[in-house]
């Protein structure tokens, strides 16, 4: 959508509470909008990583508001398997809260004269946009309908998620997306990431990574309990170091951890090697998955 042509001046951007992937790309999108349009005011609604978002968007035209938006799947303790019972309970509780949420968000958007709603990928805001007769756009590589439908089938809570998404006017679909046929109008876009603010070589020098070493990022996100990584078998490959998030633990030597209070985490990801070294990476993959008990 051309924001200038359509005279969009106030945006409410809803970011899923479920992990860094949504947050990191949406921060990049918001910064680009602010660079292109100096008169745009953006209200960001998120809960899970509220402080991270607020510290990353210190701008006069941005206001970050703590809001509980959605609920994802629940994993079993110390594992990577979904706890279906707890997940279904969480799903039902979430959808049962929608009427109050939609009423509250309608009041917020009316009070702040919002004229565009963006969501990655919380479904309820599209109902808000429809009832206020303002455009609503989705940004994602999946939907919660896809996740929960494949877990529980066409139950009432899943059907309501589907109906909410169908209120969206259009969707920007990211690469490697799951099935997103709920959106009649959609456009494929490229990968989105935050720009590095420190050169890769400077970062590697800061952490004493030599030219003959390979830095591998082991990312599991916030969805999993990171304790399951403690039982992984040691990956004993010369000249390989590992980068992990602040909440994760690996029982290896040569591990670099992203600092807990770091908001520009893209500089650490960018520190990893960009070249694909087939033999070394295949050995890493085999040993990594054997740490989960996989025989691949």
Protein backbone atom coordinates (compact mmCIF):
# COMPACT_ATOMS: atom_id res chain seq x y z
CA UNK A 1 0.00 0.00 0.00
CA UNK A 2 1.28 3.47 -0.88
CA UNK A 3 1.07 5.25 2.45
CA UNK A 4 1.48 8.71 0.94
CA UNK A 5 -1.19 8.33 -1.75
CA UNK A 6 -3.71 6.90 0.70
CA UNK A 7 -2.93 9.58 3.31
CA UNK A 8 -2.10 7.07 6.01
CA UNK A 9 -0.79 8.97 9.03
CA UNK A 10 -1.45 6.71 12.04
CA UNK A 11 -0.65 3.00 12.09
CA UNK A 12 -1.32 0.43 14.77
CA UNK A 13 1.13 -2.47 14.38
CA UNK A 14 0.32 -5.69 16.26
CA UNK A 15 3.27 -8.04 16.82
CA UNK A 16 2.81 -11.63 17.99
CA UNK A 17 3.92 -12.33 21.54
CA UNK A 18 5.47 -15.58 20.31
CA UNK A 19 9.18 -15.16 19.69
CA UNK A 20 11.95 -13.08 18.15
CA UNK A 21 11.20 -13.89 14.50
CA UNK A 22 8.12 -11.69 14.34
CA UNK A 23 9.71 -8.94 16.40
CA UNK A 24 12.99 -8.69 14.49
CA UNK A 25 11.41 -8.36 11.04
CA UNK A 26 8.71 -5.99 12.27
CA UNK A 27 11.28 -3.68 13.84
CA UNK A 28 12.98 -3.54 10.42
CA UNK A 29 9.65 -2.75 8.71
CA UNK A 30 8.78 -0.03 11.21
CA UNK A 31 12.18 1.62 10.88
CA UNK A 32 11.85 1.62 7.09
CA UNK A 33 8.40 3.22 7.28
CA UNK A 34 9.76 5.92 9.56
CA UNK A 35 12.68 6.56 7.20
CA UNK A 36 10.34 6.95 4.22
CA UNK A 37 7.52 8.88 5.88
CA UNK A 38 8.47 11.45 8.51
CA UNK A 39 4.86 12.32 9.37
CA UNK A 40 3.75 8.76 10.23
CA UNK A 41 2.87 7.95 13.83
CA UNK A 42 3.12 4.24 14.75
CA UNK A 43 1.64 2.54 17.80
CA UNK A 44 3.17 -0.89 18.42
CA UNK A 45 1.14 -3.42 20.40
CA UNK A 46 3.03 -6.41 21.78
CA UNK A 47 3.54 -8.31 25.01
CA UNK A 48 6.08 -11.11 24.93
CA UNK A 49 9.11 -8.98 24.05
CA UNK A 50 7.79 -5.58 25.08
CA UNK A 51 11.09 -4.27 26.52
CA UNK A 52 13.11 -5.51 23.53
CA UNK A 53 10.75 -3.74 21.10
CA UNK A 54 10.66 -0.53 23.11
CA UNK A 55 14.46 -0.35 23.38
CA UNK A 56 14.80 -1.08 19.66
CA UNK A 57 12.36 1.64 18.59
CA UNK A 58 13.44 4.75 20.47
CA UNK A 59 11.81 7.24 18.11
CA UNK A 60 9.59 10.26 18.68
CA UNK A 61 6.97 8.87 16.28
CA UNK A 62 6.72 5.44 17.92
CA UNK A 63 4.78 4.46 21.01
CA UNK A 64 5.07 0.87 22.24
CA UNK A 65 2.08 -0.35 24.24
CA UNK A 66 2.16 -3.57 26.27
CA UNK A 67 -0.69 -5.78 25.02
CA UNK A 68 -1.27 -9.52 25.27
CA UNK A 69 -2.07 -10.45 21.67
CA UNK A 70 -1.96 -14.19 21.11
CA UNK A 71 -1.03 -17.62 22.39
CA UNK A 72 1.15 -20.20 20.69
CA UNK A 73 1.81 -23.86 21.25
CA UNK A 74 3.07 -25.18 24.58
CA UNK A 75 6.01 -27.59 24.58
CA UNK A 76 6.68 -30.35 27.04
CA UNK A 77 9.26 -29.60 29.69
CA UNK A 78 12.84 -30.34 28.63
CA UNK A 79 11.73 -31.39 25.16
CA UNK A 80 10.68 -30.38 21.67
CA UNK A 81 7.33 -32.21 21.62
CA UNK A 82 4.07 -30.28 21.82
CA UNK A 83 1.99 -30.70 24.96
CA UNK A 84 -1.36 -31.08 23.20
CA UNK A 85 -3.54 -30.84 26.31
CA UNK A 86 -1.95 -27.66 27.62
CA UNK A 87 -1.85 -26.19 24.12
CA UNK A 88 -5.57 -26.81 23.59
CA UNK A 89 -6.42 -25.28 26.96
CA UNK A 90 -4.30 -22.24 26.10
CA UNK A 91 -5.99 -21.95 22.69
CA UNK A 92 -9.49 -22.07 24.17
CA UNK A 93 -8.64 -19.52 26.88
CA UNK A 94 -7.15 -17.20 24.28
CA UNK A 95 -10.13 -17.31 21.92
CA UNK A 96 -12.55 -16.94 24.84
CA UNK A 97 -10.90 -13.57 25.62
CA UNK A 98 -11.39 -12.19 22.10
CA UNK A 99 -14.61 -10.24 22.64
CA UNK A 100 -13.04 -8.11 25.38
CA UNK A 101 -9.83 -7.76 23.35
CA UNK A 102 -11.64 -6.60 20.20
CA UNK A 103 -13.78 -4.14 22.16
CA UNK A 104 -10.69 -2.71 23.88
CA UNK A 105 -8.68 -2.41 20.67
CA UNK A 106 -11.57 -0.73 18.84
CA UNK A 107 -11.64 1.91 21.56
CA UNK A 108 -7.87 2.35 21.36
CA UNK A 109 -7.85 2.70 17.55
CA UNK A 110 -10.76 5.14 17.59
CA UNK A 111 -9.19 7.25 20.34
CA UNK A 112 -5.86 7.41 18.48
CA UNK A 113 -7.44 7.92 15.05
CA UNK A 114 -5.76 4.86 13.55
CA UNK A 115 -6.17 4.61 9.77
CA UNK A 116 -4.17 1.42 9.06
CA UNK A 117 -3.74 -1.80 11.03
CA UNK A 118 -0.77 -4.12 10.41
CA UNK A 119 -0.48 -7.49 12.12
CA UNK A 120 2.19 -10.18 12.28
CA UNK A 121 0.26 -12.41 12.72
CA UNK A 122 -2.31 -11.84 15.46
CA UNK A 123 -5.77 -12.49 13.95
CA UNK A 124 -8.12 -10.36 16.09
CA UNK A 125 -6.88 -6.97 14.78
CA UNK A 126 -8.35 -7.76 11.37
CA UNK A 127 -11.80 -7.93 12.97
CA UNK A 128 -11.07 -4.54 14.56
CA UNK A 129 -10.04 -3.10 11.19
CA UNK A 130 -13.14 -4.45 9.51
CA UNK A 131 -15.51 -3.08 12.14
CA UNK A 132 -13.82 0.33 12.01
CA UNK A 133 -13.81 0.29 8.20
CA UNK A 134 -10.06 0.85 7.94
CA UNK A 135 -7.56 -1.30 6.00
CA UNK A 136 -5.91 -4.25 7.71
CA UNK A 137 -2.81 -5.99 6.33
CA UNK A 138 -1.12 -9.23 7.40
CA UNK A 139 2.64 -9.86 7.34
CA UNK A 140 3.97 -13.36 7.98
CA UNK A 141 5.13 -16.74 6.69
CA UNK A 142 2.39 -18.68 8.50
CA UNK A 143 -0.95 -18.26 10.29
CA UNK A 144 -2.15 -19.49 13.67
CA UNK A 145 -4.97 -21.17 11.79
CA UNK A 146 -2.43 -23.35 9.96
CA UNK A 147 -0.78 -24.31 13.26
CA UNK A 148 -3.89 -25.08 15.27
CA UNK A 149 -5.86 -26.67 12.44
CA UNK A 150 -3.08 -29.21 11.95
CA UNK A 151 -3.10 -29.92 15.69
CA UNK A 152 -6.82 -30.04 16.46
CA UNK A 153 -8.75 -29.94 13.20
CA UNK A 154 -11.81 -27.80 12.52
CA UNK A 155 -12.87 -27.13 16.12
CA UNK A 156 -14.79 -23.91 17.00
CA UNK A 157 -11.72 -22.03 18.26
CA UNK A 158 -9.80 -22.80 15.06
CA UNK A 159 -12.79 -21.78 12.94
CA UNK A 160 -12.93 -18.42 14.68
CA UNK A 161 -9.23 -17.83 13.93
CA UNK A 162 -9.95 -18.58 10.27
CA UNK A 163 -12.83 -16.11 10.16
CA UNK A 164 -10.71 -13.39 11.74
CA UNK A 165 -7.95 -13.75 9.15
CA UNK A 166 -10.49 -13.54 6.34
CA UNK A 167 -11.25 -9.97 7.41
CA UNK A 168 -7.75 -8.90 6.29
CA UNK A 169 -7.66 -6.78 3.15
CA UNK A 170 -4.37 -8.26 1.95
CA UNK A 171 -1.29 -10.12 3.10
CA UNK A 172 2.43 -9.80 2.51
CA UNK A 173 3.75 -13.37 2.52
CA UNK A 174 7.37 -14.02 3.38
CA UNK A 175 9.60 -16.71 1.82
CA UNK A 176 9.39 -20.30 3.13
CA UNK A 177 5.76 -19.72 4.04
CA UNK A 178 3.24 -22.29 5.07
CA UNK A 179 -0.14 -22.50 3.32
CA UNK A 180 -1.77 -19.05 3.47
CA UNK A 181 -4.81 -19.45 1.22
CA UNK A 182 -7.02 -17.79 3.82
CA UNK A 183 -5.99 -14.47 2.31
CA UNK A 184 -7.64 -13.70 -1.03
CA UNK A 185 -5.27 -10.84 -1.80
CA UNK A 186 -1.64 -11.57 -1.11
CA UNK A 187 1.75 -10.59 -2.44
CA UNK A 188 5.05 -12.41 -2.00
CA UNK A 189 7.87 -10.31 -0.60
CA UNK A 190 11.53 -10.98 0.06
CA UNK A 191 13.14 -11.87 3.38
CA UNK A 192 13.16 -9.03 5.89
CA UNK A 193 15.90 -8.39 8.41
CA UNK A 194 17.36 -5.57 10.42
CA UNK A 195 20.44 -3.89 8.99
CA UNK A 196 23.76 -4.64 10.62
CA UNK A 197 25.26 -1.70 12.49
CA UNK A 198 28.69 -3.28 13.08
CA UNK A 199 30.80 -4.82 10.32
CA UNK A 200 31.11 -8.62 10.31
CA UNK A 201 34.90 -8.52 10.49
CA UNK A 202 34.81 -6.13 13.46
CA UNK A 203 32.45 -8.46 15.30
CA UNK A 204 34.64 -11.48 14.56
CA UNK A 205 37.70 -9.65 15.83
CA UNK A 206 35.82 -8.66 18.98
CA UNK A 207 35.16 -12.33 19.75
CA UNK A 208 38.55 -13.64 18.53
CA UNK A 209 37.18 -15.66 15.62
CA UNK A 210 40.01 -16.38 13.19
CA UNK A 211 39.73 -16.71 9.42
CA UNK A 212 40.03 -20.51 9.55
CA UNK A 213 37.20 -20.95 12.07
CA UNK A 214 33.52 -21.55 11.35
CA UNK A 215 30.90 -19.84 13.52
CA UNK A 216 27.56 -21.70 13.60
CA UNK A 217 24.41 -20.13 15.03
CA UNK A 218 22.27 -22.60 16.99
CA UNK A 219 18.91 -20.87 17.34
CA UNK A 220 15.87 -22.48 18.95
CA UNK A 221 13.89 -19.35 19.73
CA UNK A 222 11.84 -18.60 22.83
CA UNK A 223 9.25 -21.30 22.21
CA UNK A 224 11.31 -24.17 23.58
CA UNK A 225 12.54 -24.64 27.09
CA UNK A 226 16.29 -24.17 26.46
CA UNK A 227 17.20 -26.77 29.09
CA UNK A 228 16.77 -29.60 26.57
CA UNK A 229 19.98 -28.46 24.83
CA UNK A 230 22.05 -29.39 27.89
CA UNK A 231 21.81 -33.10 27.04
CA UNK A 232 23.13 -32.77 23.50
CA UNK A 233 26.12 -34.86 22.52
CA UNK A 234 29.33 -32.96 22.11
CA UNK A 235 30.12 -31.86 18.58
CA UNK A 236 33.83 -32.40 18.31
CA UNK A 237 34.86 -30.71 15.08
CA UNK A 238 38.06 -28.65 14.88
CA UNK A 239 37.78 -24.92 14.21
CA UNK A 240 34.02 -24.71 14.85
CA UNK A 241 32.50 -22.29 17.34
CA UNK A 242 28.85 -21.88 18.27
CA UNK A 243 26.68 -18.82 18.75
CA UNK A 244 23.58 -19.16 20.97
CA UNK A 245 20.88 -16.88 22.36
CA UNK A 246 21.07 -15.44 25.85
CA UNK A 247 18.51 -17.88 27.25
CA UNK A 248 20.11 -21.03 25.81
CA UNK A 249 22.82 -23.36 27.09
CA UNK A 250 25.10 -25.74 25.21
CA UNK A 251 27.42 -28.21 26.98
CA UNK A 252 30.22 -27.45 24.50
CA UNK A 253 33.44 -25.53 24.55
CA UNK A 254 33.88 -22.55 22.23
CA UNK A 255 30.38 -21.18 22.75
CA UNK A 256 29.58 -17.49 22.33
CA UNK A 257 26.39 -16.25 23.98
CA UNK A 258 24.52 -13.16 22.81
CA UNK A 259 24.38 -10.76 25.79
CA UNK A 260 21.07 -10.68 27.65
CA UNK A 261 20.54 -6.93 27.30
CA UNK A 262 21.57 -6.76 23.62
CA UNK A 263 18.90 -5.41 21.25
CA UNK A 264 21.00 -5.31 18.08
CA UNK A 265 21.21 -9.08 17.90
CA UNK A 266 21.43 -8.92 14.10
CA UNK A 267 25.11 -7.99 14.46
CA UNK A 268 25.76 -11.31 16.20
CA UNK A 269 23.84 -13.32 13.60
CA UNK A 270 25.73 -11.42 10.91
CA UNK A 271 28.98 -12.44 12.56
CA UNK A 272 28.34 -16.04 11.51
CA UNK A 273 29.97 -17.35 8.35
CA UNK A 274 28.14 -16.55 5.15
CA UNK A 275 29.85 -19.23 3.12
CA UNK A 276 28.32 -22.69 2.99
CA UNK A 277 31.03 -25.22 3.78
CA UNK A 278 29.25 -28.41 2.81
CA UNK A 279 31.38 -31.08 4.47
CA UNK A 280 31.74 -29.30 7.80
CA UNK A 281 28.08 -28.24 7.92
CA UNK A 282 26.82 -31.73 7.11
CA UNK A 283 28.91 -33.18 9.93
CA UNK A 284 27.56 -30.51 12.29
CA UNK A 285 23.98 -31.27 11.26
CA UNK A 286 24.36 -35.03 11.75
CA UNK A 287 25.92 -34.67 15.21
CA UNK A 288 23.48 -31.91 16.19
CA UNK A 289 20.39 -34.00 15.47
CA UNK A 290 21.90 -37.09 17.09
CA UNK A 291 21.95 -34.97 20.22
CA UNK A 292 18.13 -35.08 20.04
CA UNK A 293 18.16 -38.86 19.57
CA UNK A 294 17.63 -38.58 15.81
CA UNK A 295 19.28 -41.26 13.66
CA UNK A 296 19.64 -39.07 10.55
